[in-house]
Amino acid sequence: MKVEEISNTCNRITNEISKAVIGKQDILLKMMAAFLSSGGHVLLEDFPGLAKTLIANSFSIALGLNFKRIQFTPDLLPGEITGGYIFNSRQNEFIFRKGPLFTNILLADEINRASPKTQSALLEAMQEFQVSIEGESHQLPAPFIVIATQNPIEYEGTFPLPEAQLDRFLIRLSVGYPSVVEEQEILSRRS
């Protein structure tokens, strides 16, 4: 692809996302740049209610990719995101049931609310684009992109992400509050 074609495609995608997300062009462009790189995972950090989830969902729709969302909670177990083997009594064997990691775009919502053990279940997937369960490796679909959201560390009930996991993200962005003009546009679209 030529540079002009890539630029036009990026503009088309960000314009499509802008139908749902008011403002935040700089965030959208930085995320597009991350996605264009191989394995460009993105960490969106800010307070609740600032459209982090909407941005992630809008990207998957605009790109036409499979999308799954995992709401990270303190009681979420690693196997609930990776999947695992279950016994099929009809065939009298164990079969692999894929977890929500098996998608193109994964929204890891409020990733810092999960325990460190569950957070670490993402590490192999983000780095190797595969999941290992009971000694078997299972390839993730391509592309595989994690868009994680997290609340500020000072929020109650959060676990800081370990340095090894932070290194898996190509960029870390703060969404920020909308401007007065953007807030007015949000309100006018809602009425």
N, C-alpha and C. Protein backbone atom coordinates (compact mmCIF):
# COMPACT_ATOMS: atom_id res chain seq x y z
N MET A 1 0.83 -1.19 0.00
CA MET A 1 0.00 0.00 0.00
C MET A 1 0.87 1.25 0.00
N LYS A 2 0.45 2.22 -0.74
CA LYS A 2 1.16 3.49 -0.78
C LYS A 2 0.80 4.32 0.44
N VAL A 3 1.66 5.27 0.76
CA VAL A 3 1.44 6.13 1.92
C VAL A 3 0.11 6.88 1.79
N GLU A 4 -0.19 7.34 0.59
CA GLU A 4 -1.45 8.08 0.38
C GLU A 4 -2.66 7.18 0.63
N GLU A 5 -2.58 5.93 0.20
CA GLU A 5 -3.68 4.98 0.42
C GLU A 5 -3.86 4.71 1.92
N ILE A 6 -2.75 4.54 2.62
CA ILE A 6 -2.82 4.30 4.06
C ILE A 6 -3.43 5.51 4.76
N SER A 7 -3.01 6.69 4.36
CA SER A 7 -3.54 7.92 4.95
C SER A 7 -5.04 8.04 4.70
N ASN A 8 -5.48 7.76 3.48
CA ASN A 8 -6.91 7.83 3.16
C ASN A 8 -7.71 6.80 3.94
N THR A 9 -7.16 5.61 4.08
CA THR A 9 -7.84 4.56 4.85
C THR A 9 -7.95 4.95 6.32
N CYS A 10 -6.87 5.48 6.88
CA CYS A 10 -6.89 5.92 8.28
C CYS A 10 -7.92 7.03 8.48
N ASN A 11 -7.96 7.98 7.56
CA ASN A 11 -8.94 9.07 7.65
C ASN A 11 -10.36 8.54 7.56
N ARG A 12 -10.59 7.58 6.66
CA ARG A 12 -11.93 7.01 6.52
C ARG A 12 -12.35 6.31 7.82
N ILE A 13 -11.44 5.57 8.41
CA ILE A 13 -11.74 4.84 9.65
C ILE A 13 -11.99 5.81 10.80
N THR A 14 -11.12 6.80 10.96
CA THR A 14 -11.32 7.76 12.07
C THR A 14 -12.58 8.59 11.86
N ASN A 15 -12.93 8.90 10.61
CA ASN A 15 -14.19 9.61 10.34
C ASN A 15 -15.39 8.76 10.72
N GLU A 16 -15.30 7.47 10.45
CA GLU A 16 -16.38 6.55 10.81
C GLU A 16 -16.53 6.48 12.34
N ILE A 17 -15.41 6.39 13.03
CA ILE A 17 -15.44 6.32 14.49
C ILE A 17 -15.97 7.63 15.07
N SER A 18 -15.66 8.74 14.42
CA SER A 18 -16.11 10.05 14.91
C SER A 18 -17.62 10.20 14.87
N LYS A 19 -18.31 9.32 14.16
CA LYS A 19 -19.78 9.35 14.18
C LYS A 19 -20.30 8.95 15.56
N ALA A 20 -19.53 8.14 16.27
CA ALA A 20 -19.93 7.70 17.61
C ALA A 20 -19.18 8.42 18.71
N VAL A 21 -17.91 8.74 18.46
CA VAL A 21 -17.05 9.35 19.47
C VAL A 21 -16.85 10.82 19.12
N ILE A 22 -17.26 11.69 20.03
CA ILE A 22 -17.14 13.13 19.80
C ILE A 22 -15.74 13.59 20.20
N GLY A 23 -15.07 14.29 19.27
CA GLY A 23 -13.72 14.79 19.57
C GLY A 23 -12.73 13.64 19.63
N LYS A 24 -11.68 13.82 20.38
CA LYS A 24 -10.66 12.80 20.62
C LYS A 24 -9.93 12.37 19.35
N GLN A 25 -9.85 13.25 18.33
CA GLN A 25 -9.16 12.91 17.09
C GLN A 25 -7.72 12.50 17.34
N ASP A 26 -7.04 13.19 18.26
CA ASP A 26 -5.64 12.86 18.54
C ASP A 26 -5.51 11.45 19.09
N ILE A 27 -6.44 11.05 19.96
CA ILE A 27 -6.43 9.69 20.51
C ILE A 27 -6.67 8.67 19.40
N LEU A 28 -7.66 8.95 18.54
CA LEU A 28 -7.99 8.03 17.46
C LEU A 28 -6.81 7.85 16.50
N LEU A 29 -6.13 8.93 16.17
CA LEU A 29 -4.98 8.85 15.25
C LEU A 29 -3.82 8.08 15.88
N LYS A 30 -3.57 8.29 17.17
CA LYS A 30 -2.51 7.55 17.84
C LYS A 30 -2.83 6.07 17.91
N MET A 31 -4.11 5.75 18.14
CA MET A 31 -4.51 4.35 18.17
C MET A 31 -4.35 3.71 16.78
N MET A 32 -4.71 4.45 15.73
CA MET A 32 -4.53 3.93 14.37
C MET A 32 -3.06 3.64 14.11
N ALA A 33 -2.19 4.53 14.54
CA ALA A 33 -0.75 4.32 14.35
C ALA A 33 -0.30 3.05 15.07
N ALA A 34 -0.83 2.83 16.27
CA ALA A 34 -0.48 1.62 17.02
C ALA A 34 -0.97 0.37 16.30
N PHE A 35 -2.18 0.43 15.75
CA PHE A 35 -2.74 -0.74 15.07
C PHE A 35 -1.97 -1.07 13.80
N LEU A 36 -1.43 -0.04 13.14
CA LEU A 36 -0.67 -0.27 11.91
C LEU A 36 0.64 -0.98 12.18
N SER A 37 1.15 -0.81 13.40
CA SER A 37 2.36 -1.56 13.75
C SER A 37 1.93 -2.97 14.14
N SER A 38 2.81 -3.90 14.04
CA SER A 38 2.47 -5.28 14.35
C SER A 38 2.28 -5.44 15.85
N GLY A 39 1.09 -5.86 16.25
CA GLY A 39 0.82 -6.11 17.66
C GLY A 39 0.78 -4.87 18.51
N GLY A 40 0.21 -3.81 17.99
CA GLY A 40 0.16 -2.54 18.70
C GLY A 40 -0.95 -2.47 19.72
N HIS A 41 -0.74 -3.05 20.87
CA HIS A 41 -1.74 -3.01 21.93
C HIS A 41 -1.78 -1.62 22.55
N VAL A 42 -2.97 -1.22 23.01
CA VAL A 42 -3.19 0.13 23.51
C VAL A 42 -3.76 0.08 24.92
N LEU A 43 -3.25 0.93 25.80
CA LEU A 43 -3.77 1.07 27.16
C LEU A 43 -4.39 2.45 27.28
N LEU A 44 -5.71 2.49 27.53
CA LEU A 44 -6.43 3.74 27.74
C LEU A 44 -6.64 3.91 29.23
N GLU A 45 -6.11 4.99 29.76
CA GLU A 45 -6.18 5.20 31.20
C GLU A 45 -6.88 6.52 31.49
N ASP A 46 -7.92 6.45 32.29
CA ASP A 46 -8.58 7.66 32.75
C ASP A 46 -9.76 7.28 33.63
N PHE A 47 -10.49 8.29 34.05
CA PHE A 47 -11.61 8.10 34.96
C PHE A 47 -12.78 7.44 34.23
N PRO A 48 -13.71 6.82 34.97
CA PRO A 48 -14.88 6.20 34.35
C PRO A 48 -15.74 7.24 33.61
N GLY A 49 -16.40 6.79 32.55
CA GLY A 49 -17.34 7.64 31.85
C GLY A 49 -16.76 8.55 30.79
N LEU A 50 -15.52 8.30 30.36
CA LEU A 50 -14.89 9.19 29.38
C LEU A 50 -14.77 8.54 27.99
N ALA A 51 -15.62 7.57 27.71
CA ALA A 51 -15.75 6.95 26.38
C ALA A 51 -14.64 5.98 26.02
N LYS A 52 -13.93 5.44 26.99
CA LYS A 52 -12.87 4.48 26.68
C LYS A 52 -13.45 3.23 26.02
N THR A 53 -14.52 2.70 26.58
CA THR A 53 -15.14 1.50 26.03
C THR A 53 -15.77 1.79 24.67
N LEU A 54 -16.39 2.94 24.53
CA LEU A 54 -17.01 3.33 23.26
C LEU A 54 -15.96 3.44 22.15
N ILE A 55 -14.80 3.99 22.48
CA ILE A 55 -13.72 4.10 21.49
C ILE A 55 -13.29 2.72 21.01
N ALA A 56 -13.08 1.79 21.94
CA ALA A 56 -12.64 0.44 21.58
C ALA A 56 -13.67 -0.27 20.72
N ASN A 57 -14.92 -0.20 21.11
CA ASN A 57 -15.99 -0.84 20.35
C ASN A 57 -16.13 -0.22 18.97
N SER A 58 -16.03 1.09 18.89
CA SER A 58 -16.15 1.80 17.61
C SER A 58 -15.03 1.41 16.65
N PHE A 59 -13.83 1.20 17.17
CA PHE A 59 -12.72 0.76 16.32
C PHE A 59 -13.02 -0.60 15.71
N SER A 60 -13.52 -1.53 16.50
CA SER A 60 -13.78 -2.87 15.96
C SER A 60 -14.85 -2.82 14.88
N ILE A 61 -15.87 -1.99 15.08
CA ILE A 61 -16.94 -1.86 14.08
C ILE A 61 -16.38 -1.24 12.80
N ALA A 62 -15.62 -0.15 12.95
CA ALA A 62 -15.07 0.54 11.77
C ALA A 62 -14.09 -0.33 11.00
N LEU A 63 -13.34 -1.17 11.70
CA LEU A 63 -12.37 -2.04 11.05
C LEU A 63 -12.99 -3.35 10.55
N GLY A 64 -14.22 -3.63 10.97
CA GLY A 64 -14.90 -4.85 10.54
C GLY A 64 -14.27 -6.11 11.11
N LEU A 65 -13.76 -6.00 12.33
CA LEU A 65 -13.10 -7.14 12.97
C LEU A 65 -13.95 -7.70 14.09
N ASN A 66 -13.68 -8.97 14.44
CA ASN A 66 -14.37 -9.59 15.58
C ASN A 66 -13.95 -8.88 16.86
N PHE A 67 -14.90 -8.72 17.76
CA PHE A 67 -14.68 -7.95 18.98
C PHE A 67 -15.27 -8.72 20.15
N LYS A 68 -14.51 -8.78 21.23
CA LYS A 68 -15.02 -9.33 22.48
C LYS A 68 -14.56 -8.43 23.61
N ARG A 69 -15.37 -8.43 24.66
CA ARG A 69 -15.09 -7.59 25.82
C ARG A 69 -15.02 -8.47 27.05
N ILE A 70 -14.01 -8.23 27.87
CA ILE A 70 -13.91 -8.90 29.16
C ILE A 70 -13.94 -7.82 30.22
N GLN A 71 -14.90 -7.92 31.12
CA GLN A 71 -14.95 -7.00 32.26
C GLN A 71 -14.10 -7.61 33.36
N PHE A 72 -12.96 -7.01 33.62
CA PHE A 72 -12.06 -7.53 34.64
C PHE A 72 -12.59 -7.17 36.03
N THR A 73 -12.66 -8.19 36.88
CA THR A 73 -13.13 -8.03 38.25
C THR A 73 -12.17 -8.79 39.16
N PRO A 74 -12.20 -8.50 40.46
CA PRO A 74 -11.28 -9.19 41.37
C PRO A 74 -11.45 -10.71 41.40
N ASP A 75 -12.65 -11.22 41.08
CA ASP A 75 -12.87 -12.66 41.14
C ASP A 75 -12.74 -13.37 39.79
N LEU A 76 -12.33 -12.65 38.74
CA LEU A 76 -12.14 -13.25 37.42
C LEU A 76 -10.94 -14.20 37.44
N LEU A 77 -11.13 -15.40 36.91
CA LEU A 77 -10.07 -16.41 36.90
C LEU A 77 -9.36 -16.43 35.54
N PRO A 78 -8.08 -16.80 35.51
CA PRO A 78 -7.36 -16.85 34.24
C PRO A 78 -8.04 -17.73 33.18
N GLY A 79 -8.56 -18.88 33.58
CA GLY A 79 -9.22 -19.78 32.63
C GLY A 79 -10.47 -19.19 32.01
N GLU A 80 -11.06 -18.21 32.67
CA GLU A 80 -12.25 -17.58 32.11
C GLU A 80 -11.92 -16.69 30.92
N ILE A 81 -10.67 -16.30 30.77
CA ILE A 81 -10.31 -15.49 29.61
C ILE A 81 -9.58 -16.32 28.54
N THR A 82 -8.85 -17.35 28.96
CA THR A 82 -8.10 -18.15 27.99
C THR A 82 -8.92 -19.28 27.38
N GLY A 83 -9.88 -19.79 28.14
CA GLY A 83 -10.62 -20.97 27.73
C GLY A 83 -9.99 -22.19 28.39
N GLY A 84 -10.48 -23.36 28.02
CA GLY A 84 -9.95 -24.57 28.62
C GLY A 84 -10.61 -25.81 28.05
N TYR A 85 -10.21 -26.94 28.57
CA TYR A 85 -10.73 -28.22 28.11
C TYR A 85 -11.94 -28.61 28.95
N ILE A 86 -12.98 -29.06 28.25
CA ILE A 86 -14.18 -29.56 28.92
C ILE A 86 -14.45 -30.97 28.39
N PHE A 87 -15.08 -31.77 29.23
CA PHE A 87 -15.34 -33.15 28.85
C PHE A 87 -16.62 -33.23 28.03
N ASN A 88 -16.53 -33.85 26.86
CA ASN A 88 -17.67 -34.09 26.00
C ASN A 88 -18.08 -35.54 26.20
N SER A 89 -19.19 -35.75 26.92
CA SER A 89 -19.60 -37.12 27.25
C SER A 89 -20.07 -37.89 26.02
N ARG A 90 -20.57 -37.21 25.00
CA ARG A 90 -21.01 -37.91 23.79
C ARG A 90 -19.83 -38.54 23.05
N GLN A 91 -18.74 -37.79 22.99
CA GLN A 91 -17.55 -38.28 22.28
C GLN A 91 -16.55 -38.93 23.23
N ASN A 92 -16.84 -38.85 24.52
CA ASN A 92 -15.99 -39.44 25.55
C ASN A 92 -14.55 -38.93 25.47
N GLU A 93 -14.44 -37.59 25.30
CA GLU A 93 -13.11 -36.97 25.22
C GLU A 93 -13.20 -35.51 25.67
N PHE A 94 -12.04 -34.96 25.95
CA PHE A 94 -11.96 -33.55 26.30
C PHE A 94 -11.80 -32.73 25.03
N ILE A 95 -12.57 -31.66 24.94
CA ILE A 95 -12.46 -30.76 23.79
C ILE A 95 -12.10 -29.36 24.29
N PHE A 96 -11.41 -28.63 23.45
CA PHE A 96 -10.97 -27.29 23.83
C PHE A 96 -12.07 -26.28 23.52
N ARG A 97 -12.44 -25.52 24.52
CA ARG A 97 -13.41 -24.44 24.35
C ARG A 97 -12.64 -23.12 24.46
N LYS A 98 -12.67 -22.36 23.38
CA LYS A 98 -11.94 -21.09 23.34
C LYS A 98 -12.58 -20.06 24.26
N GLY A 99 -11.72 -19.31 24.93
CA GLY A 99 -12.18 -18.21 25.76
C GLY A 99 -12.26 -16.93 24.94
N PRO A 100 -12.65 -15.84 25.57
CA PRO A 100 -12.82 -14.58 24.84
C PRO A 100 -11.52 -13.99 24.27
N LEU A 101 -10.36 -14.52 24.65
CA LEU A 101 -9.11 -14.05 24.04
C LEU A 101 -9.06 -14.35 22.55
N PHE A 102 -9.83 -15.30 22.09
CA PHE A 102 -9.80 -15.70 20.68
C PHE A 102 -10.69 -14.79 19.85
N THR A 103 -10.17 -13.62 19.57
CA THR A 103 -10.87 -12.60 18.80
C THR A 103 -9.83 -11.71 18.15
N ASN A 104 -10.28 -10.80 17.31
CA ASN A 104 -9.33 -9.85 16.70
C ASN A 104 -9.04 -8.67 17.61
N ILE A 105 -10.10 -8.07 18.12
CA ILE A 105 -9.92 -6.95 19.04
C ILE A 105 -10.54 -7.34 20.37
N LEU A 106 -9.71 -7.31 21.40
CA LEU A 106 -10.16 -7.64 22.75
C LEU A 106 -10.17 -6.38 23.58
N LEU A 107 -11.31 -6.07 24.14
CA LEU A 107 -11.40 -4.97 25.10
C LEU A 107 -11.23 -5.57 26.49
N ALA A 108 -10.12 -5.28 27.12
CA ALA A 108 -9.85 -5.70 28.50
C ALA A 108 -10.27 -4.53 29.39
N ASP A 109 -11.55 -4.52 29.75
CA ASP A 109 -12.13 -3.37 30.44
C ASP A 109 -11.79 -3.38 31.93
N GLU A 110 -11.26 -2.27 32.39
CA GLU A 110 -10.83 -2.09 33.78
C GLU A 110 -9.86 -3.19 34.19
N ILE A 111 -8.83 -3.35 33.38
CA ILE A 111 -7.85 -4.43 33.57
C ILE A 111 -7.22 -4.40 34.95
N ASN A 112 -7.10 -3.22 35.54
CA ASN A 112 -6.44 -3.14 36.85
C ASN A 112 -7.38 -3.45 38.01
N ARG A 113 -8.58 -3.94 37.74
CA ARG A 113 -9.46 -4.42 38.80
C ARG A 113 -9.26 -5.91 39.05
N ALA A 114 -8.63 -6.60 38.11
CA ALA A 114 -8.39 -8.04 38.26
C ALA A 114 -7.14 -8.29 39.08
N SER A 115 -7.07 -9.48 39.64
CA SER A 115 -5.89 -9.86 40.43
C SER A 115 -4.68 -9.97 39.50
N PRO A 116 -3.48 -9.82 40.06
CA PRO A 116 -2.27 -9.96 39.24
C PRO A 116 -2.18 -11.31 38.51
N LYS A 117 -2.69 -12.37 39.12
CA LYS A 117 -2.65 -13.69 38.48
C LYS A 117 -3.47 -13.69 37.19
N THR A 118 -4.63 -13.07 37.23
CA THR A 118 -5.47 -13.00 36.04
C THR A 118 -4.89 -12.04 35.01
N GLN A 119 -4.34 -10.92 35.48
CA GLN A 119 -3.69 -9.98 34.56
C GLN A 119 -2.57 -10.68 33.79
N SER A 120 -1.83 -11.54 34.48
CA SER A 120 -0.70 -12.21 33.84
C SER A 120 -1.13 -13.20 32.76
N ALA A 121 -2.39 -13.63 32.79
CA ALA A 121 -2.88 -14.54 31.75
C ALA A 121 -2.87 -13.89 30.37
N LEU A 122 -2.88 -12.58 30.35
CA LEU A 122 -2.82 -11.86 29.07
C LEU A 122 -1.41 -11.80 28.48
N LEU A 123 -0.40 -11.96 29.32
CA LEU A 123 0.98 -11.73 28.89
C LEU A 123 1.38 -12.54 27.66
N GLU A 124 1.18 -13.85 27.71
CA GLU A 124 1.57 -14.68 26.58
C GLU A 124 0.78 -14.30 25.33
N ALA A 125 -0.52 -14.07 25.50
CA ALA A 125 -1.36 -13.72 24.36
C ALA A 125 -0.88 -12.43 23.71
N MET A 126 -0.54 -11.44 24.52
CA MET A 126 -0.13 -10.15 23.99
C MET A 126 1.24 -10.22 23.32
N GLN A 127 2.12 -11.04 23.84
CA GLN A 127 3.48 -11.12 23.31
C GLN A 127 3.62 -12.15 22.18
N GLU A 128 3.06 -13.33 22.41
CA GLU A 128 3.28 -14.45 21.48
C GLU A 128 2.11 -14.70 20.53
N PHE A 129 0.98 -14.04 20.75
CA PHE A 129 -0.22 -14.22 19.93
C PHE A 129 -0.68 -15.68 19.95
N GLN A 130 -0.55 -16.27 21.13
CA GLN A 130 -1.01 -17.64 21.35
C GLN A 130 -1.34 -17.80 22.83
N VAL A 131 -2.05 -18.88 23.12
CA VAL A 131 -2.40 -19.23 24.49
C VAL A 131 -1.97 -20.67 24.71
N SER A 132 -1.28 -20.93 25.81
CA SER A 132 -0.87 -22.30 26.15
C SER A 132 -1.72 -22.80 27.30
N ILE A 133 -2.38 -23.93 27.06
CA ILE A 133 -3.23 -24.53 28.08
C ILE A 133 -2.90 -26.02 28.12
N GLU A 134 -2.55 -26.48 29.30
CA GLU A 134 -2.21 -27.88 29.52
C GLU A 134 -1.18 -28.38 28.51
N GLY A 135 -0.16 -27.58 28.28
CA GLY A 135 0.94 -27.97 27.42
C GLY A 135 0.71 -27.83 25.92
N GLU A 136 -0.47 -27.39 25.53
CA GLU A 136 -0.76 -27.20 24.11
C GLU A 136 -0.89 -25.71 23.80
N SER A 137 -0.30 -25.31 22.68
CA SER A 137 -0.39 -23.91 22.24
C SER A 137 -1.52 -23.76 21.25
N HIS A 138 -2.29 -22.71 21.42
CA HIS A 138 -3.41 -22.40 20.54
C HIS A 138 -3.19 -21.00 19.97
N GLN A 139 -3.08 -20.91 18.65
CA GLN A 139 -2.82 -19.63 17.99
C GLN A 139 -4.06 -18.74 18.07
N LEU A 140 -3.82 -17.46 18.29
CA LEU A 140 -4.89 -16.47 18.28
C LEU A 140 -5.09 -15.98 16.85
N PRO A 141 -6.30 -15.52 16.52
CA PRO A 141 -6.52 -15.03 15.16
C PRO A 141 -5.69 -13.77 14.89
N ALA A 142 -5.38 -13.57 13.62
CA ALA A 142 -4.64 -12.36 13.23
C ALA A 142 -5.60 -11.41 12.52
N PRO A 143 -5.55 -10.15 12.80
CA PRO A 143 -4.73 -9.52 13.83
C PRO A 143 -5.33 -9.76 15.22
N PHE A 144 -4.49 -9.67 16.22
CA PHE A 144 -4.94 -9.74 17.61
C PHE A 144 -4.46 -8.48 18.30
N ILE A 145 -5.41 -7.67 18.72
CA ILE A 145 -5.11 -6.38 19.34
C ILE A 145 -5.85 -6.29 20.67
N VAL A 146 -5.12 -5.93 21.71
CA VAL A 146 -5.74 -5.69 23.01
C VAL A 146 -5.86 -4.19 23.22
N ILE A 147 -7.08 -3.77 23.49
CA ILE A 147 -7.32 -2.40 23.94
C ILE A 147 -7.75 -2.54 25.39
N ALA A 148 -6.90 -2.14 26.29
CA ALA A 148 -7.20 -2.26 27.71
C ALA A 148 -7.55 -0.89 28.27
N THR A 149 -8.49 -0.89 29.20
CA THR A 149 -8.81 0.34 29.91
C THR A 149 -8.47 0.13 31.37
N GLN A 150 -8.08 1.20 32.00
CA GLN A 150 -7.85 1.12 33.44
C GLN A 150 -8.21 2.45 34.07
N ASN A 151 -8.65 2.33 35.32
CA ASN A 151 -8.92 3.52 36.12
C ASN A 151 -7.63 3.94 36.80
N PRO A 152 -7.55 5.21 37.19
CA PRO A 152 -6.34 5.65 37.90
C PRO A 152 -6.07 4.77 39.11
N ILE A 153 -4.80 4.57 39.41
CA ILE A 153 -4.37 3.67 40.48
C ILE A 153 -4.95 4.07 41.83
N GLU A 154 -5.21 5.35 42.04
CA GLU A 154 -5.71 5.76 43.35
C GLU A 154 -7.15 5.33 43.60
N TYR A 155 -7.83 4.80 42.57
CA TYR A 155 -9.19 4.31 42.76
C TYR A 155 -9.17 3.06 43.63
N GLU A 156 -10.15 2.94 44.51
CA GLU A 156 -10.24 1.79 45.40
C GLU A 156 -10.51 0.53 44.58
N GLY A 157 -9.88 -0.56 44.97
CA GLY A 157 -10.11 -1.84 44.31
C GLY A 157 -9.31 -2.05 43.04
N THR A 158 -8.21 -1.34 42.90
CA THR A 158 -7.38 -1.53 41.71
C THR A 158 -6.05 -2.17 42.08
N PHE A 159 -5.50 -2.92 41.14
CA PHE A 159 -4.19 -3.55 41.29
C PHE A 159 -3.28 -2.97 40.22
N PRO A 160 -2.16 -2.40 40.59
CA PRO A 160 -1.28 -1.83 39.56
C PRO A 160 -0.79 -2.91 38.59
N LEU A 161 -0.71 -2.55 37.31
CA LEU A 161 -0.20 -3.50 36.32
C LEU A 161 1.29 -3.68 36.51
N PRO A 162 1.77 -4.93 36.45
CA PRO A 162 3.21 -5.15 36.58
C PRO A 162 3.96 -4.59 35.37
N GLU A 163 5.22 -4.26 35.58
CA GLU A 163 6.04 -3.67 34.52
C GLU A 163 6.08 -4.56 33.27
N ALA A 164 6.12 -5.88 33.47
CA ALA A 164 6.15 -6.80 32.33
C ALA A 164 4.90 -6.67 31.47
N GLN A 165 3.77 -6.39 32.09
CA GLN A 165 2.54 -6.23 31.32
C GLN A 165 2.47 -4.86 30.68
N LEU A 166 2.91 -3.83 31.39
CA LEU A 166 2.93 -2.49 30.80
C LEU A 166 3.79 -2.45 29.55
N ASP A 167 4.87 -3.23 29.54
CA ASP A 167 5.76 -3.28 28.38
C ASP A 167 5.08 -3.88 27.15
N ARG A 168 4.01 -4.62 27.33
CA ARG A 168 3.31 -5.23 26.19
C ARG A 168 2.49 -4.21 25.41
N PHE A 169 2.20 -3.06 26.01
CA PHE A 169 1.41 -2.03 25.34
C PHE A 169 2.33 -1.10 24.56
N LEU A 170 1.98 -0.88 23.30
CA LEU A 170 2.78 0.02 22.47
C LEU A 170 2.61 1.46 22.94
N ILE A 171 1.37 1.82 23.27
CA ILE A 171 1.12 3.18 23.75
C ILE A 171 0.16 3.16 24.93
N ARG A 172 0.31 4.17 25.75
CA ARG A 172 -0.55 4.38 26.92
C ARG A 172 -1.11 5.79 26.77
N LEU A 173 -2.43 5.89 26.68
CA LEU A 173 -3.08 7.17 26.41
C LEU A 173 -4.05 7.55 27.51
N SER A 174 -4.14 8.84 27.76
CA SER A 174 -5.15 9.37 28.66
C SER A 174 -6.22 10.03 27.80
N VAL A 175 -7.46 9.60 27.94
CA VAL A 175 -8.54 10.08 27.10
C VAL A 175 -8.87 11.54 27.41
N GLY A 176 -8.96 11.87 28.68
CA GLY A 176 -9.25 13.25 29.07
C GLY A 176 -10.72 13.60 28.96
N TYR A 177 -11.08 14.64 29.68
CA TYR A 177 -12.46 15.11 29.66
C TYR A 177 -12.74 15.84 28.35
N PRO A 178 -14.00 15.82 27.89
CA PRO A 178 -14.33 16.55 26.67
C PRO A 178 -14.30 18.06 26.92
N SER A 179 -14.05 18.81 25.85
CA SER A 179 -14.10 20.27 25.95
C SER A 179 -15.56 20.70 26.08
N VAL A 180 -15.78 21.96 26.36
CA VAL A 180 -17.15 22.48 26.48
C VAL A 180 -17.90 22.29 25.17
N VAL A 181 -17.25 22.58 24.06
CA VAL A 181 -17.87 22.41 22.74
C VAL A 181 -18.22 20.94 22.50
N GLU A 182 -17.31 20.03 22.86
CA GLU A 182 -17.57 18.60 22.70
C GLU A 182 -18.72 18.15 23.59
N GLU A 183 -18.78 18.66 24.81
CA GLU A 183 -19.90 18.31 25.70
C GLU A 183 -21.22 18.77 25.12
N GLN A 184 -21.25 19.96 24.54
CA GLN A 184 -22.47 20.46 23.92
C GLN A 184 -22.89 19.57 22.75
N GLU A 185 -21.91 19.13 21.96
CA GLU A 185 -22.20 18.23 20.84
C GLU A 185 -22.73 16.89 21.34
N ILE A 186 -22.15 16.37 22.41
CA ILE A 186 -22.63 15.11 23.00
C ILE A 186 -24.08 15.26 23.43
N LEU A 187 -24.39 16.35 24.12
CA LEU A 187 -25.75 16.59 24.58
C LEU A 187 -26.72 16.78 23.43
N SER A 188 -26.30 17.48 22.39
CA SER A 188 -27.21 17.70 21.25
C SER A 188 -27.50 16.40 20.51
N ARG A 189 -26.54 15.48 20.47
CA ARG A 189 -26.77 14.19 19.80
C ARG A 189 -27.65 13.28 20.64
N ARG A 190 -27.65 13.47 21.94
CA ARG A 190 -28.45 12.63 22.84
C ARG A 190 -29.92 13.04 22.88
N SER A 191 -30.20 14.29 22.51
CA SER A 191 -31.59 14.76 22.63
C SER A 191 -32.38 14.59 21.36
